Amino acid sequence: MLKKNYIEITGVSKSYGKFQALNNINLKIGNGMFGLLGHNGAGKTTLMKLLTTLSQPTKGKIIINGYDVNKDKLEVRRIVGFLPQTFNIYPQLTSLEFLDYMARLNGIKNKEKRVKLISTLLEKVNLHEFKDKKVGGFSGGMIRRLGIAQALVKDPKILIIDEPTAGLDPEERIRFRTMLVELSEQKIVILSTHIVEDISATCEHIALLKAGELIYSGRPIDFINTARDKVWEVVLTNRNDIIEVKNKYHIISMRQESEGIRVRIIATEMHKDSRIRKCVPNLEDALLSYNYVKVN
């Protein structure tokens, strides 16, 4: 029977002097993929630091699998793996040597056990054929996959990843997402990112932070539904038409197509225009719609 992991964040606030980085955050997270969304400065990094015991809440409590992050730091660190956006590698080492070093740092002293573990991890992240290649020659995607392997050395129950696909090409991004979904079957995998596509493609639940406040927590589809009847599209062929639409509505994207420029619009009310048609929103539309409606 699969043992369920859990994170309970209750009334958590974090201040740095007069600056309020997080304000009264309440969240419950279970097994599977969990997306943490928000612009730079929203509080994502601060929350990750609290979950990984790199910082302590000013107020509130965080419990991970029964351990208090303030009182049980060593226990929490044993079960939480973290892959920051950038992490230190040793370019002169091979991937096998690098993971062996990380395994020893994590207290795995038995060489036979390390060899078996490292072989399994390299297979999992699709790097086994590069086990004897120096990591200094790895691509960005290979380094990210190596980073996942080093985070998995201690077999964490919770895996936290900061900007997992930043800088990756489309093929690497898809491969990386697929790997994370497979890992989340028996773990909590938290993605912190501003790349909405990564969240919409993988996560069953999301939390949206803005200026230290939790403004949404739940299923992506429920958040997307908040943008229904607010997203529209029109195909334009004349530059003057684009300027006219821009003056009337909030444009969220434009894409060149064979028949013209497809313009995506957010509007709570629409003027009569037979060219403009309502369309089904996606997660990015919902985020932009939320921000636009709140501003207006």
C-alpha atoms as a PDB file:
ATOM      1  CA  MET A   1       0.000   0.000   0.000  1.00  0.00           C
ATOM      2  CA  LEU A   2       1.332   3.431  -0.996  1.00  0.00           C
ATOM      3  CA  LYS A   3       2.231   5.540   2.014  1.00  0.00           C
ATOM      4  CA  LYS A   4       0.883   9.053   1.643  1.00  0.00           C
ATOM      5  CA  ASN A   5       3.176  11.973   2.280  1.00  0.00           C
ATOM      6  CA  TYR A   6       1.822  15.311   3.395  1.00  0.00           C
ATOM      7  CA  ILE A   7       2.732  18.924   4.055  1.00  0.00           C
ATOM      8  CA  GLU A   8       0.607  21.149   6.288  1.00  0.00           C
ATOM      9  CA  ILE A   9       1.309  24.877   6.252  1.00  0.00           C
ATOM     10  CA  THR A  10      -0.706  26.715   8.884  1.00  0.00           C
ATOM     11  CA  GLY A  11      -0.808  30.490   9.352  1.00  0.00           C
ATOM     12  CA  VAL A  12       2.728  30.944   8.048  1.00  0.00           C
ATOM     13  CA  SER A  13       4.161  34.435   7.710  1.00  0.00           C
ATOM     14  CA  LYS A  14       7.726  35.513   7.049  1.00  0.00           C
ATOM     15  CA  SER A  15       9.126  38.995   7.520  1.00  0.00           C
ATOM     16  CA  TYR A  16      12.527  40.460   6.786  1.00  0.00           C
ATOM     17  CA  GLY A  17      12.511  43.573   8.903  1.00  0.00           C
ATOM     18  CA  LYS A  18       9.582  45.657   7.680  1.00  0.00           C
ATOM     19  CA  PHE A  19       9.252  43.638   4.471  1.00  0.00           C
ATOM     20  CA  GLN A  20       6.477  41.024   4.546  1.00  0.00           C
ATOM     21  CA  ALA A  21       7.608  38.203   2.232  1.00  0.00           C
ATOM     22  CA  LEU A  22       4.736  35.861   3.166  1.00  0.00           C
ATOM     23  CA  ASN A  23       1.486  36.668   4.924  1.00  0.00           C
ATOM     24  CA  ASN A  24      -0.685  34.046   6.661  1.00  0.00           C
ATOM     25  CA  ILE A  25      -0.195  31.177   4.205  1.00  0.00           C
ATOM     26  CA  ASN A  26      -2.386  28.085   4.705  1.00  0.00           C
ATOM     27  CA  LEU A  27      -1.804  25.079   2.431  1.00  0.00           C
ATOM     28  CA  LYS A  28      -2.163  21.303   2.447  1.00  0.00           C
ATOM     29  CA  ILE A  29      -0.140  19.280  -0.071  1.00  0.00           C
ATOM     30  CA  GLY A  30      -0.261  15.533  -0.719  1.00  0.00           C
ATOM     31  CA  ASN A  31       1.332  13.001  -3.077  1.00  0.00           C
ATOM     32  CA  GLY A  32       1.560  14.020  -6.730  1.00  0.00           C
ATOM     33  CA  MET A  33       2.571  17.092  -8.684  1.00  0.00           C
ATOM     34  CA  PHE A  34       1.971  20.453  -7.035  1.00  0.00           C
ATOM     35  CA  GLY A  35       2.576  23.722  -8.871  1.00  0.00           C
ATOM     36  CA  LEU A  36       3.708  26.890  -7.121  1.00  0.00           C
ATOM     37  CA  LEU A  37       3.042  29.863  -9.372  1.00  0.00           C
ATOM     38  CA  GLY A  38       3.833  33.545  -9.080  1.00  0.00           C
ATOM     39  CA  HIS A  39       5.894  36.346 -10.532  1.00  0.00           C
ATOM     40  CA  ASN A  40       9.337  37.240  -9.198  1.00  0.00           C
ATOM     41  CA  GLY A  41       8.896  38.609  -5.695  1.00  0.00           C
ATOM     42  CA  ALA A  42       5.635  36.729  -5.122  1.00  0.00           C
ATOM     43  CA  GLY A  43       7.110  34.711  -2.230  1.00  0.00           C
ATOM     44  CA  LYS A  44       7.870  31.386  -3.944  1.00  0.00           C
ATOM     45  CA  THR A  45      11.559  31.355  -3.018  1.00  0.00           C
ATOM     46  CA  THR A  46      10.793  32.298   0.581  1.00  0.00           C
ATOM     47  CA  LEU A  47       8.292  29.448   0.885  1.00  0.00           C
ATOM     48  CA  MET A  48      10.803  26.973  -0.565  1.00  0.00           C
ATOM     49  CA  LYS A  49      13.410  28.113   1.961  1.00  0.00           C
ATOM     50  CA  LEU A  50      10.948  27.443   4.773  1.00  0.00           C
ATOM     51  CA  LEU A  51      10.087  23.973   3.451  1.00  0.00           C
ATOM     52  CA  THR A  52      13.768  23.040   3.171  1.00  0.00           C
ATOM     53  CA  THR A  53      14.648  24.434   6.654  1.00  0.00           C
ATOM     54  CA  LEU A  54      16.942  27.081   5.127  1.00  0.00           C
ATOM     55  CA  SER A  55      14.828  29.692   6.905  1.00  0.00           C
ATOM     56  CA  GLN A  56      12.242  29.783   9.704  1.00  0.00           C
ATOM     57  CA  PRO A  57       8.731  31.270   9.702  1.00  0.00           C
ATOM     58  CA  THR A  58       8.180  34.465  11.629  1.00  0.00           C
ATOM     59  CA  LYS A  59       4.748  33.092  12.527  1.00  0.00           C
ATOM     60  CA  GLY A  60       2.882  29.849  11.957  1.00  0.00           C
ATOM     61  CA  LYS A  61       3.847  26.200  11.593  1.00  0.00           C
ATOM     62  CA  ILE A  62       4.933  23.790   8.846  1.00  0.00           C
ATOM     63  CA  ILE A  63       4.566  20.036   9.382  1.00  0.00           C
ATOM     64  CA  ILE A  64       6.071  17.585   6.867  1.00  0.00           C
ATOM     65  CA  ASN A  65       5.178  13.918   7.371  1.00  0.00           C
ATOM     66  CA  GLY A  66       4.729  14.625  11.078  1.00  0.00           C
ATOM     67  CA  TYR A  67       7.943  16.626  11.510  1.00  0.00           C
ATOM     68  CA  ASP A  68       8.001  20.297  12.482  1.00  0.00           C
ATOM     69  CA  VAL A  69      10.413  22.198  10.219  1.00  0.00           C
ATOM     70  CA  ASN A  70      11.511  24.356  13.156  1.00  0.00           C
ATOM     71  CA  LYS A  71      12.010  21.608  15.746  1.00  0.00           C
ATOM     72  CA  ASP A  72      12.935  18.585  13.600  1.00  0.00           C
ATOM     73  CA  LYS A  73      15.307  20.042  11.018  1.00  0.00           C
ATOM     74  CA  LEU A  74      17.513  16.967  10.616  1.00  0.00           C
ATOM     75  CA  GLU A  75      14.519  14.676  10.096  1.00  0.00           C
ATOM     76  CA  VAL A  76      13.002  17.091   7.579  1.00  0.00           C
ATOM     77  CA  ARG A  77      16.274  17.340   5.656  1.00  0.00           C
ATOM     78  CA  ARG A  78      16.410  13.544   5.397  1.00  0.00           C
ATOM     79  CA  ILE A  79      13.066  13.363   3.631  1.00  0.00           C
ATOM     80  CA  VAL A  80      13.151  16.563   1.541  1.00  0.00           C
ATOM     81  CA  GLY A  81      15.182  16.794  -1.663  1.00  0.00           C
ATOM     82  CA  PHE A  82      15.780  20.189  -3.273  1.00  0.00           C
ATOM     83  CA  LEU A  83      16.931  21.180  -6.749  1.00  0.00           C
ATOM     84  CA  PRO A  84      17.547  24.929  -6.954  1.00  0.00           C
ATOM     85  CA  GLN A  85      17.506  26.789 -10.264  1.00  0.00           C
ATOM     86  CA  THR A  86      21.296  26.737 -10.248  1.00  0.00           C
ATOM     87  CA  PHE A  87      23.372  24.238  -8.312  1.00  0.00           C
ATOM     88  CA  ASN A  88      27.082  23.612  -8.014  1.00  0.00           C
ATOM     89  CA  ILE A  89      28.648  20.942 -10.183  1.00  0.00           C
ATOM     90  CA  TYR A  90      32.240  19.760 -10.332  1.00  0.00           C
ATOM     91  CA  PRO A  91      33.064  19.916 -14.064  1.00  0.00           C
ATOM     92  CA  GLN A  92      36.131  17.691 -13.721  1.00  0.00           C
ATOM     93  CA  LEU A  93      34.052  14.795 -12.361  1.00  0.00           C
ATOM     94  CA  THR A  94      32.076  12.284 -14.393  1.00  0.00           C
ATOM     95  CA  SER A  95      28.386  11.918 -13.638  1.00  0.00           C
ATOM     96  CA  LEU A  96      29.150   8.626 -11.881  1.00  0.00           C
ATOM     97  CA  GLU A  97      31.872  10.234  -9.743  1.00  0.00           C
ATOM     98  CA  PHE A  98      29.642  13.211  -8.951  1.00  0.00           C
ATOM     99  CA  LEU A  99      26.751  11.048  -7.753  1.00  0.00           C
ATOM    100  CA  ASP A 100      29.101   8.819  -5.791  1.00  0.00           C
ATOM    101  CA  TYR A 101      30.410  11.923  -4.012  1.00  0.00           C
ATOM    102  CA  MET A 102      26.856  13.110  -3.264  1.00  0.00           C
ATOM    103  CA  ALA A 103      25.908   9.644  -1.971  1.00  0.00           C
ATOM    104  CA  ARG A 104      28.833   9.655   0.427  1.00  0.00           C
ATOM    105  CA  LEU A 105      27.872  13.141   1.603  1.00  0.00           C
ATOM    106  CA  ASN A 106      24.415  11.738   2.376  1.00  0.00           C
ATOM    107  CA  GLY A 107      25.871   9.019   4.579  1.00  0.00           C
ATOM    108  CA  ILE A 108      25.761   6.057   2.191  1.00  0.00           C
ATOM    109  CA  LYS A 109      29.034   4.409   3.167  1.00  0.00           C
ATOM    110  CA  ASN A 110      28.581   0.964   1.649  1.00  0.00           C
ATOM    111  CA  LYS A 111      30.259   1.007  -1.784  1.00  0.00           C
ATOM    112  CA  GLU A 112      28.167  -1.832  -3.220  1.00  0.00           C
ATOM    113  CA  LYS A 113      24.996  -0.035  -2.191  1.00  0.00           C
ATOM    114  CA  ARG A 114      26.248   3.211  -3.749  1.00  0.00           C
ATOM    115  CA  VAL A 115      27.110   1.524  -7.057  1.00  0.00           C
ATOM    116  CA  LYS A 116      23.659  -0.053  -7.315  1.00  0.00           C
ATOM    117  CA  LEU A 117      21.899   3.185  -6.320  1.00  0.00           C
ATOM    118  CA  ILE A 118      23.854   5.348  -8.769  1.00  0.00           C
ATOM    119  CA  SER A 119      23.240   2.942 -11.636  1.00  0.00           C
ATOM    120  CA  THR A 120      19.500   3.024 -10.901  1.00  0.00           C
ATOM    121  CA  LEU A 121      19.444   6.845 -10.713  1.00  0.00           C
ATOM    122  CA  LEU A 122      21.376   7.289 -13.960  1.00  0.00           C
ATOM    123  CA  GLU A 123      18.908   4.996 -15.694  1.00  0.00           C
ATOM    124  CA  LYS A 124      15.976   6.904 -14.193  1.00  0.00           C
ATOM    125  CA  VAL A 125      17.222  10.271 -15.503  1.00  0.00           C
ATOM    126  CA  ASN A 126      18.376   8.813 -18.836  1.00  0.00           C
ATOM    127  CA  LEU A 127      22.080   9.524 -18.275  1.00  0.00           C
ATOM    128  CA  HIS A 128      23.469   5.998 -17.897  1.00  0.00           C
ATOM    129  CA  GLU A 129      25.225   6.080 -21.265  1.00  0.00           C
ATOM    130  CA  PHE A 130      27.004   9.262 -20.124  1.00  0.00           C
ATOM    131  CA  LYS A 131      28.139   7.886 -16.753  1.00  0.00           C
ATOM    132  CA  ASP A 132      31.827   8.235 -17.669  1.00  0.00           C
ATOM    133  CA  LYS A 133      31.482  11.638 -19.314  1.00  0.00           C
ATOM    134  CA  LYS A 134      32.671  14.717 -17.403  1.00  0.00           C
ATOM    135  CA  VAL A 135      29.740  16.867 -16.363  1.00  0.00           C
ATOM    136  CA  GLY A 136      31.542  20.009 -17.515  1.00  0.00           C
ATOM    137  CA  GLY A 137      30.572  19.011 -21.056  1.00  0.00           C
ATOM    138  CA  PHE A 138      26.894  18.403 -20.304  1.00  0.00           C
ATOM    139  CA  SER A 139      24.073  20.376 -21.928  1.00  0.00           C
ATOM    140  CA  GLY A 140      21.685  22.407 -19.796  1.00  0.00           C
ATOM    141  CA  GLY A 141      19.085  19.644 -19.928  1.00  0.00           C
ATOM    142  CA  MET A 142      21.599  16.992 -18.923  1.00  0.00           C
ATOM    143  CA  ILE A 143      22.720  19.104 -15.966  1.00  0.00           C
ATOM    144  CA  ARG A 144      19.099  19.513 -14.829  1.00  0.00           C
ATOM    145  CA  ARG A 145      18.618  15.736 -15.038  1.00  0.00           C
ATOM    146  CA  LEU A 146      21.840  15.207 -13.105  1.00  0.00           C
ATOM    147  CA  GLY A 147      20.487  17.650 -10.542  1.00  0.00           C
ATOM    148  CA  ILE A 148      17.367  15.521 -10.146  1.00  0.00           C
ATOM    149  CA  ALA A 149      19.559  12.436  -9.678  1.00  0.00           C
ATOM    150  CA  GLN A 150      21.578  14.116  -6.910  1.00  0.00           C
ATOM    151  CA  ALA A 151      18.349  15.268  -5.227  1.00  0.00           C
ATOM    152  CA  LEU A 152      17.100  11.662  -5.322  1.00  0.00           C
ATOM    153  CA  VAL A 153      20.244  10.125  -3.810  1.00  0.00           C
ATOM    154  CA  LYS A 154      18.708  10.039  -0.339  1.00  0.00           C
ATOM    155  CA  ASP A 155      15.331   8.823  -1.692  1.00  0.00           C
ATOM    156  CA  PRO A 156      13.380  11.866  -0.459  1.00  0.00           C
ATOM    157  CA  LYS A 157       9.652  11.691   0.152  1.00  0.00           C
ATOM    158  CA  ILE A 158       9.280  15.311  -0.925  1.00  0.00           C
ATOM    159  CA  LEU A 159      11.062  16.785  -3.949  1.00  0.00           C
ATOM    160  CA  ILE A 160      11.129  20.564  -4.423  1.00  0.00           C
ATOM    161  CA  ILE A 161      12.322  21.960  -7.739  1.00  0.00           C
ATOM    162  CA  ASP A 162      12.900  25.626  -8.564  1.00  0.00           C
ATOM    163  CA  GLU A 163      12.310  26.665 -12.210  1.00  0.00           C
ATOM    164  CA  PRO A 164      12.722  23.091 -13.498  1.00  0.00           C
ATOM    165  CA  THR A 165      12.782  23.803 -17.247  1.00  0.00           C
ATOM    166  CA  ALA A 166      14.315  27.275 -17.408  1.00  0.00           C
ATOM    167  CA  GLY A 167      16.723  27.428 -20.338  1.00  0.00           C
ATOM    168  CA  LEU A 168      15.789  24.016 -21.758  1.00  0.00           C
ATOM    169  CA  ASP A 169      14.849  23.432 -25.380  1.00  0.00           C
ATOM    170  CA  PRO A 170      11.292  22.145 -26.107  1.00  0.00           C
ATOM    171  CA  GLU A 171      12.350  18.490 -26.419  1.00  0.00           C
ATOM    172  CA  GLU A 172      14.307  18.553 -23.149  1.00  0.00           C
ATOM    173  CA  ARG A 173      11.407  20.323 -21.444  1.00  0.00           C
ATOM    174  CA  ILE A 174       8.940  17.593 -22.402  1.00  0.00           C
ATOM    175  CA  ARG A 175      11.363  14.852 -21.333  1.00  0.00           C
ATOM    176  CA  PHE A 176      11.954  16.578 -17.993  1.00  0.00           C
ATOM    177  CA  ARG A 177       8.232  17.002 -17.314  1.00  0.00           C
ATOM    178  CA  THR A 178       7.573  13.341 -18.079  1.00  0.00           C
ATOM    179  CA  MET A 179      10.280  12.267 -15.663  1.00  0.00           C
ATOM    180  CA  LEU A 180       8.836  14.419 -12.877  1.00  0.00           C
ATOM    181  CA  VAL A 181       5.339  12.995 -13.376  1.00  0.00           C
ATOM    182  CA  GLU A 182       6.751   9.469 -13.030  1.00  0.00           C
ATOM    183  CA  LEU A 183       8.558  10.454  -9.815  1.00  0.00           C
ATOM    184  CA  SER A 184       5.398  11.986  -8.335  1.00  0.00           C
ATOM    185  CA  GLU A 185       3.596   8.631  -8.186  1.00  0.00           C
ATOM    186  CA  GLN A 186       5.165   7.935  -4.777  1.00  0.00           C
ATOM    187  CA  LYS A 187       6.325  11.392  -3.716  1.00  0.00           C
ATOM    188  CA  ILE A 188       5.261  14.979  -3.364  1.00  0.00           C
ATOM    189  CA  VAL A 189       6.873  16.896  -6.222  1.00  0.00           C
ATOM    190  CA  ILE A 190       6.614  20.677  -5.904  1.00  0.00           C
ATOM    191  CA  LEU A 191       7.402  22.792  -8.952  1.00  0.00           C
ATOM    192  CA  SER A 192       8.084  26.451  -8.342  1.00  0.00           C
ATOM    193  CA  THR A 193       8.006  28.337 -11.614  1.00  0.00           C
ATOM    194  CA  HIS A 194       6.726  31.288 -13.600  1.00  0.00           C
ATOM    195  CA  ILE A 195       6.437  29.111 -16.735  1.00  0.00           C
ATOM    196  CA  VAL A 196       2.717  28.403 -16.793  1.00  0.00           C
ATOM    197  CA  GLU A 197       3.033  25.665 -19.418  1.00  0.00           C
ATOM    198  CA  ASP A 198       5.086  23.517 -17.038  1.00  0.00           C
ATOM    199  CA  ILE A 199       2.320  23.659 -14.440  1.00  0.00           C
ATOM    200  CA  SER A 200      -0.622  23.145 -16.791  1.00  0.00           C
ATOM    201  CA  ALA A 201       1.062  20.113 -18.386  1.00  0.00           C
ATOM    202  CA  THR A 202       1.831  18.253 -15.154  1.00  0.00           C
ATOM    203  CA  CYS A 203       0.177  19.456 -11.944  1.00  0.00           C
ATOM    204  CA  GLU A 204      -3.045  18.212 -10.360  1.00  0.00           C
ATOM    205  CA  HIS A 205      -3.073  21.053  -7.824  1.00  0.00           C
ATOM    206  CA  ILE A 206      -1.657  24.560  -7.798  1.00  0.00           C
ATOM    207  CA  ALA A 207      -1.095  27.488  -5.485  1.00  0.00           C
ATOM    208  CA  LEU A 208      -0.816  31.038  -6.769  1.00  0.00           C
ATOM    209  CA  LEU A 209       1.173  33.573  -4.766  1.00  0.00           C
ATOM    210  CA  LYS A 210       1.114  37.304  -5.300  1.00  0.00           C
ATOM    211  CA  ALA A 211       3.069  39.797  -3.180  1.00  0.00           C
ATOM    212  CA  GLY A 212       3.333  37.255  -0.354  1.00  0.00           C
ATOM    213  CA  GLU A 213      -0.376  36.426  -0.351  1.00  0.00           C
ATOM    214  CA  LEU A 214      -1.957  33.101  -1.291  1.00  0.00           C
ATOM    215  CA  ILE A 215      -4.647  34.117  -3.759  1.00  0.00           C
ATOM    216  CA  TYR A 216      -5.657  30.669  -5.022  1.00  0.00           C
ATOM    217  CA  SER A 217      -5.196  27.033  -4.040  1.00  0.00           C
ATOM    218  CA  GLY A 218      -6.901  24.128  -5.776  1.00  0.00           C
ATOM    219  CA  ARG A 219      -7.237  22.345  -9.094  1.00  0.00           C
ATOM    220  CA  PRO A 220      -5.992  24.130 -12.234  1.00  0.00           C
ATOM    221  CA  ILE A 221      -9.311  23.510 -14.018  1.00  0.00           C
ATOM    222  CA  ASP A 222     -11.258  25.335 -11.304  1.00  0.00           C
ATOM    223  CA  PHE A 223      -8.975  28.345 -11.619  1.00  0.00           C
ATOM    224  CA  ILE A 224      -9.243  28.239 -15.418  1.00  0.00           C
ATOM    225  CA  ASN A 225     -13.039  28.351 -15.074  1.00  0.00           C
ATOM    226  CA  THR A 226     -12.754  31.796 -13.459  1.00  0.00           C
ATOM    227  CA  ALA A 227     -11.728  33.125 -16.891  1.00  0.00           C
ATOM    228  CA  ARG A 228     -14.687  31.718 -18.810  1.00  0.00           C
ATOM    229  CA  ASP A 229     -16.552  34.381 -20.828  1.00  0.00           C
ATOM    230  CA  LYS A 230     -13.539  36.701 -20.508  1.00  0.00           C
ATOM    231  CA  VAL A 231     -11.207  35.427 -23.257  1.00  0.00           C
ATOM    232  CA  TRP A 232     -11.747  36.220 -26.944  1.00  0.00           C
ATOM    233  CA  GLU A 233      -9.917  35.876 -30.253  1.00  0.00           C
ATOM    234  CA  VAL A 234      -9.904  37.791 -33.516  1.00  0.00           C
ATOM    235  CA  VAL A 235      -7.852  37.383 -36.712  1.00  0.00           C
ATOM    236  CA  LEU A 236      -6.711  40.716 -38.149  1.00  0.00           C
ATOM    237  CA  THR A 237      -4.998  41.536 -41.435  1.00  0.00           C
ATOM    238  CA  ASN A 238      -4.655  45.287 -41.109  1.00  0.00           C
ATOM    239  CA  ARG A 239      -2.226  47.053 -38.778  1.00  0.00           C
ATOM    240  CA  ASN A 240      -4.784  49.793 -38.099  1.00  0.00           C
ATOM    241  CA  ASP A 241      -7.229  47.136 -36.901  1.00  0.00           C
ATOM    242  CA  ILE A 242      -4.664  45.920 -34.359  1.00  0.00           C
ATOM    243  CA  ILE A 243      -4.268  49.462 -33.009  1.00  0.00           C
ATOM    244  CA  GLU A 244      -8.053  49.821 -32.811  1.00  0.00           C
ATOM    245  CA  VAL A 245      -8.421  46.550 -30.880  1.00  0.00           C
ATOM    246  CA  LYS A 246      -5.550  47.509 -28.578  1.00  0.00           C
ATOM    247  CA  ASN A 247      -7.270  50.793 -27.742  1.00  0.00           C
ATOM    248  CA  LYS A 248     -10.503  49.000 -26.812  1.00  0.00           C
ATOM    249  CA  TYR A 249      -9.317  45.807 -25.133  1.00  0.00           C
ATOM    250  CA  HIS A 250      -6.506  44.186 -23.161  1.00  0.00           C
ATOM    251  CA  ILE A 251      -4.399  42.111 -25.585  1.00  0.00           C
ATOM    252  CA  ILE A 252      -2.670  39.091 -24.018  1.00  0.00           C
ATOM    253  CA  SER A 253      -1.055  37.521 -27.098  1.00  0.00           C
ATOM    254  CA  MET A 254      -0.573  37.874 -30.849  1.00  0.00           C
ATOM    255  CA  ARG A 255       0.429  35.116 -33.245  1.00  0.00           C
ATOM    256  CA  GLN A 256       1.203  35.393 -36.965  1.00  0.00           C
ATOM    257  CA  GLU A 257      -0.754  32.881 -39.065  1.00  0.00           C
ATOM    258  CA  SER A 258      -1.301  32.381 -42.796  1.00  0.00           C
ATOM    259  CA  GLU A 259      -4.644  34.238 -42.758  1.00  0.00           C
ATOM    260  CA  GLY A 260      -3.392  37.092 -40.567  1.00  0.00           C
ATOM    261  CA  ILE A 261      -2.514  37.901 -36.952  1.00  0.00           C
ATOM    262  CA  ARG A 262      -4.500  35.982 -34.335  1.00  0.00           C
ATOM    263  CA  VAL A 263      -5.048  38.313 -31.381  1.00  0.00           C
ATOM    264  CA  ARG A 264      -6.144  36.999 -27.978  1.00  0.00           C
ATOM    265  CA  ILE A 265      -8.073  39.429 -25.774  1.00  0.00           C
ATOM    266  CA  ILE A 266      -9.250  39.642 -22.175  1.00  0.00           C
ATOM    267  CA  ALA A 267     -12.456  41.575 -21.638  1.00  0.00           C
ATOM    268  CA  THR A 268     -15.342  41.381 -19.175  1.00  0.00           C
ATOM    269  CA  GLU A 269     -17.584  43.106 -21.719  1.00  0.00           C
ATOM    270  CA  MET A 270     -17.332  42.916 -25.497  1.00  0.00           C
ATOM    271  CA  HIS A 271     -18.457  45.486 -28.074  1.00  0.00           C
ATOM    272  CA  LYS A 272     -20.475  44.122 -30.964  1.00  0.00           C
ATOM    273  CA  ASP A 273     -17.972  42.881 -33.538  1.00  0.00           C
ATOM    274  CA  SER A 274     -18.696  39.837 -35.693  1.00  0.00           C
ATOM    275  CA  ARG A 275     -14.976  39.150 -36.138  1.00  0.00           C
ATOM    276  CA  ILE A 276     -14.376  38.592 -32.412  1.00  0.00           C
ATOM    277  CA  ARG A 277     -15.258  35.172 -31.039  1.00  0.00           C
ATOM    278  CA  LYS A 278     -15.286  33.782 -27.510  1.00  0.00           C
ATOM    279  CA  CYS A 279     -12.696  31.047 -26.900  1.00  0.00           C
ATOM    280  CA  VAL A 280     -11.912  28.417 -24.284  1.00  0.00           C
ATOM    281  CA  PRO A 281      -9.395  29.782 -21.735  1.00  0.00           C
ATOM    282  CA  ASN A 282      -6.220  28.055 -20.580  1.00  0.00           C
ATOM    283  CA  LEU A 283      -4.257  28.449 -17.334  1.00  0.00           C
ATOM    284  CA  GLU A 284      -2.191  31.352 -18.634  1.00  0.00           C
ATOM    285  CA  ASP A 285      -5.356  33.147 -19.729  1.00  0.00           C
ATOM    286  CA  ALA A 286      -6.803  32.665 -16.246  1.00  0.00           C
ATOM    287  CA  LEU A 287      -3.703  34.149 -14.611  1.00  0.00           C
ATOM    288  CA  LEU A 288      -3.680  37.152 -16.920  1.00  0.00           C
ATOM    289  CA  SER A 289      -7.431  37.552 -16.568  1.00  0.00           C
ATOM    290  CA  TYR A 290      -7.174  37.517 -12.773  1.00  0.00           C
ATOM    291  CA  ASN A 291      -4.464  40.192 -12.789  1.00  0.00           C
ATOM    292  CA  TYR A 292      -6.272  42.333 -15.361  1.00  0.00           C
ATOM    293  CA  VAL A 293      -9.682  42.186 -13.659  1.00  0.00           C
ATOM    294  CA  LYS A 294      -8.149  42.962 -10.260  1.00  0.00           C
ATOM    295  CA  VAL A 295      -6.229  45.947 -11.680  1.00  0.00           C
ATOM    296  CA  ASN A 296      -9.298  47.272 -13.430  1.00  0.00           C
END
